[in-house]
Each structure stands twice: as structure tokens, then as C-alpha cells.
Amino acid sequence: MATGKLVVGVTGASGAIYAQRFLRQAASLFTDVFLVLSSNAVDVAQTELGVAPDKTDFRTDTWLGCRSTSIHLLDDKDYFTPPASGSFRHDGMVIVPCSMGTVGRIANGVSDDLMTRCADVCLKEKRPLIVVPREMPWSLVMLRNLTLLAEAGATVLPASPAWYHKPQSLEELADSVVARILQALGVEQGLMAQWMAED
């Protein structure tokens, strides 16, 4: 049963499938999902998936393959939205995939759009912030920025798919990362069994 509120950011980093698969789960697990899309995220989704969200006419059934009334698309330049304020209570924020540019801005306190502002709010209010970087290799600058985020209380969850469950498709492979994001949020998930857990 859906409950709670979640903020989700999608940047222009490669790995649009992670955003797509995660949002499908979030839409059914949370009553309200506040979605912030960067302009590059739309272009990357179109390139990688052949389908992308339309920021002027957001239809979840086209991009996500399902219709959901729980997803609320926010203007990435509009600070007059609930998640931009620390007084708005929610269950945390996930940025998936998270570009290293976004990591750098959040780590150094640069809130230059709604996505980085929402992340900044999570850190100052000590709410869960999960960043899912996909870049590789990581430079020393990237490592230091990620360390700053971890020290500030964020969870750094690289998009490193698991293989032990013997995935049969790219979707199943991506879902192993989605499952770990949900676990990091403290949400029960049925996408992937726990390692060596008894049935």
C-alpha cells in the first residue's frame, strides 16, 4: 500500500533506465513523488531509451509504461514548491542517475536549481539523501566531492548492478540497483531476493 512522500531528481547522467525503473516502483510505493527533471535528463532518456518524458505535457504512461497520479512533475527553476523548504516533511530524496556536476554542486553547497536546493534541504534537515552516480572512472575531484556528501550524511549508492541473481535482461539488471535504492530508503521491495536469505 502506497504511503509517504518522496523527492526524486533525474539528471542528465547516462543511465536513464535506472530512473525509469525506479520511478515505476516509487509510483506504487509512495503516495506522492515529487519529480525534478533536468533538461539534459530528457535528452539522455530519448537517446538511451527511445522515449522520454515531455516536460510540457508530462504523461507517465508514455515514459514509464504505466499511469500514476502520485508523480508530480516540478519546474526545475521554481523554488516555490514544497520540497524547496525545510518545513515540508517528506521521507527523503533520491537522485538517480546523479551526474558528477550535480554531486559537486551539492557537496559544495551550490543550490543553483530546484534539484540541488532540495538536496541541500535534505542535508540540513538530516533527511535521507541518496545519490546514484554512474560515472566511471572517478577522478580525485569526484572522490572528494562524494566523500564530502557522505560526511554530510548522504548515502552514495553507485549504479553497480548485481549478477548473483542471474539477470535475464537489462531491465532485471537495472532492477538490482533499484532494489538497493529502495532498501536504503527502508522500503520493502520484491525485485530481488536478499543474498543467501532463506525462503
N, C-alpha and C. Protein backbone atom coordinates (compact mmCIF):
# COMPACT_ATOMS: atom_id res chain seq x y z
N MET A 1 0.83 -1.19 0.00
CA MET A 1 0.00 0.00 0.00
C MET A 1 0.87 1.25 0.00
N ALA A 2 0.59 2.18 -0.91
CA ALA A 2 1.39 3.38 -1.04
C ALA A 2 1.25 4.27 0.18
N THR A 3 2.38 4.82 0.62
CA THR A 3 2.36 5.73 1.77
C THR A 3 3.59 6.62 1.71
N GLY A 4 3.51 7.81 2.27
CA GLY A 4 4.67 8.67 2.36
C GLY A 4 4.91 9.53 1.13
N LYS A 5 5.90 10.42 1.28
CA LYS A 5 6.26 11.35 0.22
C LYS A 5 7.75 11.21 -0.08
N LEU A 6 8.09 11.26 -1.36
CA LEU A 6 9.47 11.10 -1.80
C LEU A 6 9.80 12.14 -2.85
N VAL A 7 11.01 12.68 -2.77
CA VAL A 7 11.51 13.60 -3.80
C VAL A 7 12.48 12.83 -4.68
N VAL A 8 12.34 12.95 -5.98
CA VAL A 8 13.22 12.24 -6.91
C VAL A 8 13.80 13.24 -7.91
N GLY A 9 15.11 13.21 -8.07
CA GLY A 9 15.78 14.03 -9.07
C GLY A 9 16.37 13.13 -10.14
N VAL A 10 16.27 13.56 -11.39
CA VAL A 10 16.86 12.82 -12.51
C VAL A 10 17.73 13.80 -13.29
N THR A 11 19.04 13.53 -13.32
CA THR A 11 19.96 14.41 -14.03
C THR A 11 20.24 13.86 -15.43
N GLY A 12 21.14 14.53 -16.12
CA GLY A 12 21.48 14.11 -17.48
C GLY A 12 22.60 13.10 -17.56
N ALA A 13 22.95 12.48 -16.43
CA ALA A 13 23.96 11.42 -16.46
C ALA A 13 23.42 10.22 -17.24
N SER A 14 24.33 9.47 -17.85
CA SER A 14 23.91 8.25 -18.52
C SER A 14 23.32 7.28 -17.49
N GLY A 15 22.33 6.50 -17.93
CA GLY A 15 21.68 5.56 -17.02
C GLY A 15 20.22 5.88 -16.82
N ALA A 16 19.58 6.37 -17.88
CA ALA A 16 18.15 6.74 -17.79
C ALA A 16 17.29 5.55 -17.39
N ILE A 17 17.72 4.35 -17.69
CA ILE A 17 16.94 3.16 -17.33
C ILE A 17 16.77 3.05 -15.82
N TYR A 18 17.76 3.51 -15.06
CA TYR A 18 17.65 3.44 -13.61
C TYR A 18 16.54 4.37 -13.11
N ALA A 19 16.46 5.56 -13.70
CA ALA A 19 15.40 6.50 -13.33
C ALA A 19 14.04 5.93 -13.69
N GLN A 20 13.94 5.40 -14.90
CA GLN A 20 12.67 4.85 -15.38
C GLN A 20 12.19 3.71 -14.49
N ARG A 21 13.07 2.77 -14.20
CA ARG A 21 12.70 1.61 -13.39
C ARG A 21 12.42 2.00 -11.93
N PHE A 22 13.21 2.95 -11.41
CA PHE A 22 12.98 3.38 -10.03
C PHE A 22 11.64 4.10 -9.89
N LEU A 23 11.34 4.98 -10.83
CA LEU A 23 10.08 5.74 -10.74
C LEU A 23 8.86 4.83 -10.84
N ARG A 24 8.96 3.77 -11.60
CA ARG A 24 7.84 2.81 -11.67
C ARG A 24 7.56 2.23 -10.28
N GLN A 25 8.62 1.91 -9.56
CA GLN A 25 8.45 1.36 -8.21
C GLN A 25 7.97 2.44 -7.24
N ALA A 26 8.59 3.61 -7.31
CA ALA A 26 8.24 4.70 -6.39
C ALA A 26 6.78 5.10 -6.54
N ALA A 27 6.28 5.08 -7.77
CA ALA A 27 4.89 5.49 -8.02
C ALA A 27 3.89 4.58 -7.32
N SER A 28 4.28 3.34 -7.10
CA SER A 28 3.37 2.40 -6.43
C SER A 28 3.63 2.31 -4.93
N LEU A 29 4.78 2.79 -4.48
CA LEU A 29 5.15 2.65 -3.07
C LEU A 29 4.95 3.92 -2.26
N PHE A 30 4.86 5.06 -2.96
CA PHE A 30 4.71 6.33 -2.26
C PHE A 30 3.44 7.05 -2.72
N THR A 31 2.78 7.69 -1.78
CA THR A 31 1.56 8.43 -2.10
C THR A 31 1.85 9.60 -3.02
N ASP A 32 2.99 10.27 -2.76
CA ASP A 32 3.38 11.43 -3.58
C ASP A 32 4.85 11.34 -3.92
N VAL A 33 5.15 11.47 -5.20
CA VAL A 33 6.52 11.51 -5.68
C VAL A 33 6.72 12.85 -6.37
N PHE A 34 7.59 13.68 -5.80
CA PHE A 34 7.88 14.99 -6.36
C PHE A 34 9.10 14.87 -7.26
N LEU A 35 8.89 14.99 -8.56
CA LEU A 35 9.92 14.69 -9.55
C LEU A 35 10.52 15.97 -10.14
N VAL A 36 11.85 16.03 -10.11
CA VAL A 36 12.59 17.14 -10.72
C VAL A 36 13.46 16.57 -11.83
N LEU A 37 13.22 17.02 -13.05
CA LEU A 37 13.98 16.56 -14.22
C LEU A 37 14.86 17.69 -14.73
N SER A 38 16.12 17.41 -14.98
CA SER A 38 16.96 18.40 -15.64
C SER A 38 16.66 18.34 -17.15
N SER A 39 16.99 19.40 -17.86
CA SER A 39 16.74 19.40 -19.31
C SER A 39 17.56 18.33 -20.00
N ASN A 40 18.77 18.08 -19.51
CA ASN A 40 19.61 17.04 -20.10
C ASN A 40 19.06 15.64 -19.84
N ALA A 41 18.33 15.47 -18.75
CA ALA A 41 17.75 14.17 -18.43
C ALA A 41 16.78 13.73 -19.52
N VAL A 42 16.03 14.68 -20.05
CA VAL A 42 15.07 14.39 -21.11
C VAL A 42 15.81 13.93 -22.37
N ASP A 43 16.88 14.64 -22.73
CA ASP A 43 17.65 14.29 -23.92
C ASP A 43 18.31 12.92 -23.79
N VAL A 44 18.85 12.64 -22.61
CA VAL A 44 19.51 11.35 -22.39
C VAL A 44 18.51 10.21 -22.44
N ALA A 45 17.33 10.41 -21.85
CA ALA A 45 16.30 9.37 -21.89
C ALA A 45 15.90 9.06 -23.32
N GLN A 46 15.75 10.08 -24.12
CA GLN A 46 15.38 9.88 -25.53
C GLN A 46 16.47 9.11 -26.27
N THR A 47 17.72 9.45 -25.99
CA THR A 47 18.84 8.79 -26.64
C THR A 47 18.98 7.34 -26.21
N GLU A 48 18.87 7.08 -24.92
CA GLU A 48 19.14 5.74 -24.39
C GLU A 48 17.94 4.81 -24.44
N LEU A 49 16.74 5.36 -24.27
CA LEU A 49 15.55 4.52 -24.17
C LEU A 49 14.62 4.63 -25.38
N GLY A 50 14.83 5.66 -26.18
CA GLY A 50 13.95 5.87 -27.34
C GLY A 50 12.63 6.51 -26.96
N VAL A 51 12.46 6.84 -25.70
CA VAL A 51 11.26 7.51 -25.21
C VAL A 51 11.67 8.38 -24.04
N ALA A 52 11.05 9.54 -23.95
CA ALA A 52 11.44 10.47 -22.89
C ALA A 52 10.22 11.20 -22.35
N PRO A 53 10.31 11.68 -21.11
CA PRO A 53 9.21 12.47 -20.56
C PRO A 53 9.10 13.81 -21.27
N ASP A 54 7.90 14.27 -21.45
CA ASP A 54 7.64 15.58 -22.04
C ASP A 54 7.37 16.56 -20.90
N LYS A 55 8.27 17.49 -20.70
CA LYS A 55 8.16 18.40 -19.55
C LYS A 55 7.01 19.39 -19.71
N THR A 56 6.50 19.54 -20.93
CA THR A 56 5.36 20.45 -21.13
C THR A 56 4.03 19.72 -21.03
N ASP A 57 4.06 18.38 -21.20
CA ASP A 57 2.85 17.58 -21.12
C ASP A 57 3.23 16.22 -20.54
N PHE A 58 3.46 16.21 -19.21
CA PHE A 58 4.00 15.02 -18.58
C PHE A 58 2.98 13.90 -18.53
N ARG A 59 3.29 12.81 -19.24
CA ARG A 59 2.40 11.65 -19.25
C ARG A 59 3.22 10.43 -18.83
N THR A 60 2.97 9.97 -17.63
CA THR A 60 3.77 8.87 -17.12
C THR A 60 3.56 7.57 -17.89
N ASP A 61 2.39 7.43 -18.52
CA ASP A 61 2.13 6.17 -19.21
C ASP A 61 3.03 6.02 -20.44
N THR A 62 3.45 7.13 -21.05
CA THR A 62 4.31 7.08 -22.22
C THR A 62 5.74 6.74 -21.83
N TRP A 63 6.26 7.44 -20.85
CA TRP A 63 7.66 7.26 -20.46
C TRP A 63 7.87 6.05 -19.56
N LEU A 64 7.00 5.88 -18.59
CA LEU A 64 7.19 4.82 -17.62
C LEU A 64 6.47 3.52 -17.96
N GLY A 65 5.57 3.59 -18.91
CA GLY A 65 4.81 2.39 -19.27
C GLY A 65 3.67 2.13 -18.32
N CYS A 66 3.37 3.10 -17.47
CA CYS A 66 2.25 2.98 -16.54
C CYS A 66 1.74 4.37 -16.22
N ARG A 67 0.50 4.47 -15.82
CA ARG A 67 -0.06 5.76 -15.46
C ARG A 67 -0.12 5.87 -13.94
N SER A 68 0.29 7.01 -13.43
CA SER A 68 0.28 7.20 -11.99
C SER A 68 -0.09 8.63 -11.66
N THR A 69 -0.98 8.76 -10.71
CA THR A 69 -1.38 10.10 -10.25
C THR A 69 -0.51 10.57 -9.09
N SER A 70 0.39 9.71 -8.63
CA SER A 70 1.23 10.07 -7.48
C SER A 70 2.46 10.89 -7.87
N ILE A 71 2.83 10.89 -9.16
CA ILE A 71 4.02 11.62 -9.60
C ILE A 71 3.66 13.05 -9.96
N HIS A 72 4.35 14.00 -9.31
CA HIS A 72 4.12 15.42 -9.55
C HIS A 72 5.39 16.02 -10.15
N LEU A 73 5.34 16.40 -11.42
CA LEU A 73 6.50 16.98 -12.09
C LEU A 73 6.65 18.43 -11.67
N LEU A 74 7.84 18.78 -11.19
CA LEU A 74 8.12 20.14 -10.74
C LEU A 74 9.02 20.86 -11.73
N ASP A 75 8.89 22.16 -11.79
CA ASP A 75 9.74 23.00 -12.62
C ASP A 75 11.11 23.11 -11.94
N ASP A 76 12.18 22.75 -12.64
CA ASP A 76 13.49 22.72 -12.01
C ASP A 76 14.04 24.11 -11.67
N LYS A 77 13.31 25.15 -12.04
CA LYS A 77 13.73 26.51 -11.68
C LYS A 77 12.78 27.17 -10.68
N ASP A 78 11.76 26.44 -10.27
CA ASP A 78 10.73 27.01 -9.39
C ASP A 78 11.00 26.63 -7.93
N TYR A 79 11.42 27.61 -7.16
CA TYR A 79 11.71 27.36 -5.75
C TYR A 79 10.44 27.43 -4.89
N PHE A 80 9.34 27.84 -5.48
CA PHE A 80 8.08 27.94 -4.73
C PHE A 80 7.31 26.63 -4.81
N THR A 81 7.99 25.56 -4.42
CA THR A 81 7.40 24.23 -4.39
C THR A 81 7.70 23.63 -3.01
N PRO A 82 6.88 22.71 -2.53
CA PRO A 82 7.06 22.18 -1.17
C PRO A 82 8.47 21.66 -0.84
N PRO A 83 9.11 20.83 -1.70
CA PRO A 83 10.40 20.25 -1.29
C PRO A 83 11.53 21.26 -1.17
N ALA A 84 11.31 22.50 -1.62
CA ALA A 84 12.36 23.51 -1.53
C ALA A 84 12.48 24.08 -0.12
N SER A 85 11.52 23.73 0.74
CA SER A 85 11.51 24.27 2.10
C SER A 85 11.75 23.18 3.14
N GLY A 86 12.53 23.52 4.14
CA GLY A 86 12.80 22.58 5.21
C GLY A 86 11.58 22.27 6.06
N SER A 87 10.57 23.13 6.00
CA SER A 87 9.36 22.91 6.79
C SER A 87 8.45 21.85 6.17
N PHE A 88 8.72 21.48 4.91
CA PHE A 88 7.93 20.45 4.25
C PHE A 88 8.52 19.08 4.60
N ARG A 89 7.72 18.26 5.24
CA ARG A 89 8.20 16.96 5.68
C ARG A 89 8.00 15.89 4.61
N HIS A 90 9.03 15.13 4.38
CA HIS A 90 8.94 14.01 3.43
C HIS A 90 9.93 12.94 3.86
N ASP A 91 9.96 11.84 3.11
CA ASP A 91 10.73 10.66 3.53
C ASP A 91 12.13 10.59 2.94
N GLY A 92 12.52 11.63 2.20
CA GLY A 92 13.87 11.64 1.65
C GLY A 92 13.89 11.94 0.17
N MET A 93 15.11 11.96 -0.38
CA MET A 93 15.31 12.28 -1.79
C MET A 93 16.28 11.30 -2.41
N VAL A 94 15.98 10.92 -3.64
CA VAL A 94 16.86 10.06 -4.43
C VAL A 94 17.19 10.80 -5.72
N ILE A 95 18.47 10.88 -6.05
CA ILE A 95 18.88 11.46 -7.34
C ILE A 95 19.45 10.32 -8.15
N VAL A 96 18.72 9.93 -9.20
CA VAL A 96 19.07 8.75 -9.98
C VAL A 96 18.78 8.95 -11.47
N PRO A 97 19.76 8.83 -12.34
CA PRO A 97 21.18 8.82 -12.01
C PRO A 97 21.63 10.22 -11.62
N CYS A 98 22.74 10.30 -10.91
CA CYS A 98 23.23 11.59 -10.43
C CYS A 98 24.53 11.93 -11.15
N SER A 99 24.53 13.04 -11.88
CA SER A 99 25.74 13.46 -12.58
C SER A 99 26.77 13.95 -11.58
N MET A 100 28.02 13.92 -11.98
CA MET A 100 29.09 14.38 -11.10
C MET A 100 29.06 15.89 -10.95
N GLY A 101 28.50 16.59 -11.93
CA GLY A 101 28.32 18.03 -11.79
C GLY A 101 27.35 18.33 -10.66
N THR A 102 26.26 17.55 -10.60
CA THR A 102 25.28 17.71 -9.53
C THR A 102 25.88 17.35 -8.19
N VAL A 103 26.66 16.27 -8.15
CA VAL A 103 27.36 15.88 -6.92
C VAL A 103 28.23 17.02 -6.43
N GLY A 104 28.99 17.62 -7.35
CA GLY A 104 29.90 18.69 -6.97
C GLY A 104 29.19 19.90 -6.42
N ARG A 105 28.07 20.26 -7.04
CA ARG A 105 27.33 21.43 -6.57
C ARG A 105 26.71 21.18 -5.18
N ILE A 106 26.12 20.01 -5.00
CA ILE A 106 25.52 19.70 -3.69
C ILE A 106 26.61 19.64 -2.62
N ALA A 107 27.72 18.98 -2.92
CA ALA A 107 28.79 18.80 -1.95
C ALA A 107 29.38 20.13 -1.50
N ASN A 108 29.32 21.13 -2.38
CA ASN A 108 29.91 22.42 -2.07
C ASN A 108 28.88 23.50 -1.78
N GLY A 109 27.63 23.07 -1.54
CA GLY A 109 26.59 24.00 -1.11
C GLY A 109 26.11 24.97 -2.16
N VAL A 110 26.21 24.58 -3.43
CA VAL A 110 25.77 25.45 -4.52
C VAL A 110 24.36 25.02 -4.95
N SER A 111 23.35 25.74 -4.48
CA SER A 111 21.96 25.42 -4.82
C SER A 111 21.51 26.32 -5.97
N ASP A 112 21.83 25.91 -7.19
CA ASP A 112 21.55 26.77 -8.34
C ASP A 112 20.32 26.34 -9.13
N ASP A 113 19.62 25.32 -8.66
CA ASP A 113 18.34 24.93 -9.26
C ASP A 113 17.54 24.18 -8.20
N LEU A 114 16.33 23.77 -8.55
CA LEU A 114 15.47 23.14 -7.56
C LEU A 114 16.04 21.81 -7.08
N MET A 115 16.69 21.06 -7.99
CA MET A 115 17.22 19.76 -7.59
C MET A 115 18.28 19.90 -6.51
N THR A 116 19.23 20.80 -6.72
CA THR A 116 20.30 20.97 -5.73
C THR A 116 19.77 21.62 -4.46
N ARG A 117 18.75 22.47 -4.59
CA ARG A 117 18.13 23.05 -3.40
C ARG A 117 17.45 21.98 -2.55
N CYS A 118 16.70 21.09 -3.19
CA CYS A 118 16.03 20.01 -2.46
C CYS A 118 17.04 19.11 -1.75
N ALA A 119 18.17 18.84 -2.42
CA ALA A 119 19.21 18.02 -1.81
C ALA A 119 19.83 18.74 -0.62
N ASP A 120 20.05 20.04 -0.78
CA ASP A 120 20.60 20.85 0.30
C ASP A 120 19.68 20.83 1.51
N VAL A 121 18.38 20.90 1.26
CA VAL A 121 17.39 20.85 2.33
C VAL A 121 17.47 19.51 3.07
N CYS A 122 17.61 18.43 2.32
CA CYS A 122 17.70 17.11 2.95
C CYS A 122 18.90 17.04 3.89
N LEU A 123 20.03 17.57 3.45
CA LEU A 123 21.22 17.52 4.28
C LEU A 123 21.06 18.36 5.54
N LYS A 124 20.51 19.56 5.40
CA LYS A 124 20.41 20.42 6.58
C LYS A 124 19.33 19.94 7.55
N GLU A 125 18.30 19.27 7.02
CA GLU A 125 17.24 18.76 7.87
C GLU A 125 17.49 17.31 8.31
N LYS A 126 18.62 16.77 7.87
CA LYS A 126 19.03 15.40 8.21
C LYS A 126 17.99 14.37 7.76
N ARG A 127 17.50 14.57 6.54
CA ARG A 127 16.63 13.58 5.91
C ARG A 127 17.46 12.72 4.96
N PRO A 128 17.00 11.53 4.64
CA PRO A 128 17.77 10.68 3.73
C PRO A 128 17.98 11.34 2.37
N LEU A 129 19.23 11.34 1.93
CA LEU A 129 19.59 11.78 0.58
C LEU A 129 20.44 10.68 -0.03
N ILE A 130 19.93 10.11 -1.12
CA ILE A 130 20.64 9.02 -1.81
C ILE A 130 21.03 9.50 -3.20
N VAL A 131 22.32 9.49 -3.48
CA VAL A 131 22.79 9.86 -4.81
C VAL A 131 23.31 8.60 -5.50
N VAL A 132 22.93 8.45 -6.77
CA VAL A 132 23.28 7.25 -7.53
C VAL A 132 24.14 7.65 -8.72
N PRO A 133 25.46 7.77 -8.51
CA PRO A 133 26.34 8.12 -9.62
C PRO A 133 26.59 6.93 -10.52
N ARG A 134 26.80 7.19 -11.82
CA ARG A 134 27.08 6.12 -12.75
C ARG A 134 28.42 6.32 -13.47
N GLU A 135 29.00 7.48 -13.30
CA GLU A 135 30.25 7.82 -13.98
C GLU A 135 31.37 6.86 -13.60
N MET A 136 32.28 6.62 -14.55
CA MET A 136 33.50 5.86 -14.25
C MET A 136 34.55 6.17 -15.29
N PRO A 137 35.82 6.15 -14.92
CA PRO A 137 36.33 6.08 -13.55
C PRO A 137 36.07 7.40 -12.81
N TRP A 138 36.36 7.39 -11.50
CA TRP A 138 36.18 8.59 -10.70
C TRP A 138 37.52 9.30 -10.52
N SER A 139 37.53 10.59 -10.81
CA SER A 139 38.73 11.40 -10.59
C SER A 139 38.86 11.71 -9.11
N LEU A 140 40.01 12.26 -8.71
CA LEU A 140 40.20 12.64 -7.32
C LEU A 140 39.19 13.71 -6.90
N VAL A 141 38.87 14.62 -7.81
CA VAL A 141 37.87 15.65 -7.51
C VAL A 141 36.51 15.01 -7.22
N MET A 142 36.11 14.04 -8.05
CA MET A 142 34.85 13.35 -7.85
C MET A 142 34.84 12.60 -6.53
N LEU A 143 35.92 11.90 -6.24
CA LEU A 143 36.02 11.14 -4.99
C LEU A 143 35.91 12.06 -3.77
N ARG A 144 36.54 13.21 -3.86
CA ARG A 144 36.48 14.15 -2.73
C ARG A 144 35.08 14.72 -2.57
N ASN A 145 34.42 15.02 -3.68
CA ASN A 145 33.04 15.52 -3.60
C ASN A 145 32.11 14.47 -3.02
N LEU A 146 32.27 13.23 -3.45
CA LEU A 146 31.44 12.15 -2.91
C LEU A 146 31.73 11.92 -1.43
N THR A 147 32.99 12.07 -1.04
CA THR A 147 33.35 11.95 0.37
C THR A 147 32.69 13.06 1.19
N LEU A 148 32.69 14.29 0.65
CA LEU A 148 32.02 15.39 1.33
C LEU A 148 30.54 15.08 1.54
N LEU A 149 29.90 14.53 0.51
CA LEU A 149 28.48 14.19 0.64
C LEU A 149 28.27 13.11 1.71
N ALA A 150 29.11 12.09 1.68
CA ALA A 150 28.99 11.01 2.67
C ALA A 150 29.20 11.55 4.08
N GLU A 151 30.17 12.43 4.24
CA GLU A 151 30.43 13.02 5.55
C GLU A 151 29.27 13.91 6.01
N ALA A 152 28.56 14.49 5.05
CA ALA A 152 27.42 15.36 5.38
C ALA A 152 26.16 14.56 5.67
N GLY A 153 26.21 13.24 5.45
CA GLY A 153 25.07 12.40 5.79
C GLY A 153 24.37 11.74 4.62
N ALA A 154 24.82 12.01 3.40
CA ALA A 154 24.19 11.39 2.22
C ALA A 154 24.65 9.94 2.08
N THR A 155 23.85 9.16 1.39
CA THR A 155 24.23 7.80 1.01
C THR A 155 24.67 7.80 -0.44
N VAL A 156 25.89 7.38 -0.68
CA VAL A 156 26.41 7.27 -2.05
C VAL A 156 26.20 5.84 -2.50
N LEU A 157 25.33 5.65 -3.48
CA LEU A 157 24.95 4.32 -3.92
C LEU A 157 25.23 4.21 -5.42
N PRO A 158 26.45 3.82 -5.79
CA PRO A 158 26.81 3.76 -7.21
C PRO A 158 25.92 2.78 -7.97
N ALA A 159 25.65 3.09 -9.21
CA ALA A 159 24.85 2.20 -10.05
C ALA A 159 25.71 1.01 -10.47
N SER A 160 25.90 0.10 -9.54
CA SER A 160 26.71 -1.10 -9.77
C SER A 160 25.80 -2.32 -9.68
N PRO A 161 25.27 -2.77 -10.81
CA PRO A 161 24.31 -3.88 -10.79
C PRO A 161 24.90 -5.17 -10.23
N ALA A 162 24.04 -5.96 -9.62
CA ALA A 162 24.45 -7.27 -9.10
C ALA A 162 24.21 -8.35 -10.14
N TRP A 163 24.98 -9.42 -10.04
CA TRP A 163 24.86 -10.51 -11.01
C TRP A 163 24.46 -11.84 -10.38
N TYR A 164 24.50 -11.91 -9.03
CA TYR A 164 24.28 -13.21 -8.39
C TYR A 164 22.87 -13.74 -8.58
N HIS A 165 21.93 -12.85 -8.92
CA HIS A 165 20.56 -13.33 -9.13
C HIS A 165 20.31 -13.76 -10.58
N LYS A 166 21.40 -13.78 -11.37
CA LYS A 166 21.38 -14.25 -12.76
C LYS A 166 20.34 -13.51 -13.61
N PRO A 167 20.51 -12.21 -13.79
CA PRO A 167 19.55 -11.41 -14.57
C PRO A 167 19.46 -11.90 -16.01
N GLN A 168 18.24 -11.90 -16.53
CA GLN A 168 17.98 -12.37 -17.88
C GLN A 168 17.75 -11.23 -18.87
N SER A 169 17.77 -9.98 -18.38
CA SER A 169 17.53 -8.83 -19.24
C SER A 169 18.19 -7.60 -18.65
N LEU A 170 18.30 -6.57 -19.47
CA LEU A 170 18.84 -5.30 -18.97
C LEU A 170 17.95 -4.73 -17.88
N GLU A 171 16.66 -4.93 -18.02
CA GLU A 171 15.71 -4.44 -17.02
C GLU A 171 15.94 -5.11 -15.66
N GLU A 172 16.15 -6.42 -15.67
CA GLU A 172 16.40 -7.13 -14.41
C GLU A 172 17.73 -6.68 -13.80
N LEU A 173 18.70 -6.40 -14.66
CA LEU A 173 19.99 -5.92 -14.18
C LEU A 173 19.83 -4.56 -13.52
N ALA A 174 19.11 -3.67 -14.17
CA ALA A 174 18.86 -2.34 -13.61
C ALA A 174 18.05 -2.44 -12.31
N ASP A 175 17.14 -3.38 -12.26
CA ASP A 175 16.30 -3.53 -11.06
C ASP A 175 17.09 -3.92 -9.83
N SER A 176 18.26 -4.52 -10.02
CA SER A 176 19.08 -4.86 -8.86
C SER A 176 19.58 -3.59 -8.18
N VAL A 177 19.81 -2.54 -8.96
CA VAL A 177 20.20 -1.25 -8.39
C VAL A 177 18.99 -0.58 -7.75
N VAL A 178 17.85 -0.66 -8.44
CA VAL A 178 16.61 -0.09 -7.89
C VAL A 178 16.28 -0.74 -6.55
N ALA A 179 16.47 -2.03 -6.44
CA ALA A 179 16.18 -2.74 -5.19
C ALA A 179 17.04 -2.21 -4.06
N ARG A 180 18.31 -1.94 -4.34
CA ARG A 180 19.20 -1.43 -3.31
C ARG A 180 18.83 0.00 -2.90
N ILE A 181 18.36 0.78 -3.86
CA ILE A 181 17.90 2.14 -3.52
C ILE A 181 16.71 2.06 -2.56
N LEU A 182 15.77 1.19 -2.88
CA LEU A 182 14.59 1.04 -2.03
C LEU A 182 14.98 0.55 -0.64
N GLN A 183 15.91 -0.39 -0.57
CA GLN A 183 16.38 -0.87 0.72
C GLN A 183 17.04 0.25 1.52
N ALA A 184 17.80 1.10 0.84
CA ALA A 184 18.46 2.23 1.51
C ALA A 184 17.44 3.22 2.06
N LEU A 185 16.26 3.27 1.43
CA LEU A 185 15.18 4.12 1.92
C LEU A 185 14.39 3.45 3.05
N GLY A 186 14.68 2.18 3.28
CA GLY A 186 13.95 1.44 4.31
C GLY A 186 12.62 0.91 3.82
N VAL A 187 12.51 0.73 2.50
CA VAL A 187 11.26 0.27 1.89
C VAL A 187 11.39 -1.20 1.50
N GLU A 188 10.39 -1.98 1.83
CA GLU A 188 10.37 -3.38 1.42
C GLU A 188 10.21 -3.47 -0.09
N GLN A 189 11.02 -4.35 -0.71
CA GLN A 189 10.97 -4.48 -2.16
C GLN A 189 10.95 -5.96 -2.53
N GLY A 190 10.34 -6.24 -3.67
CA GLY A 190 10.26 -7.61 -4.14
C GLY A 190 10.97 -7.83 -5.46
N LEU A 191 11.86 -6.91 -5.82
CA LEU A 191 12.54 -7.00 -7.10
C LEU A 191 13.66 -8.03 -7.09
N MET A 192 14.33 -8.15 -5.95
CA MET A 192 15.49 -9.01 -5.87
C MET A 192 15.58 -9.62 -4.48
N ALA A 193 15.82 -10.91 -4.43
CA ALA A 193 15.93 -11.59 -3.15
C ALA A 193 17.23 -11.20 -2.44
N GLN A 194 17.19 -11.21 -1.12
CA GLN A 194 18.40 -10.94 -0.35
C GLN A 194 19.37 -12.09 -0.53
N TRP A 195 20.65 -11.76 -0.53
CA TRP A 195 21.69 -12.76 -0.71
C TRP A 195 21.65 -13.79 0.42
N MET A 196 21.54 -15.05 0.04
CA MET A 196 21.56 -16.19 0.96
C MET A 196 20.42 -16.18 1.97
N ALA A 197 19.40 -15.36 1.71
CA ALA A 197 18.26 -15.34 2.63
C ALA A 197 17.42 -16.58 2.45
N GLU A 198 16.90 -17.11 3.55
CA GLU A 198 16.06 -18.30 3.46
C GLU A 198 14.69 -17.91 2.95
N ASP A 199 14.09 -18.77 2.12
CA ASP A 199 12.73 -18.52 1.59
C ASP A 199 11.70 -18.75 2.67
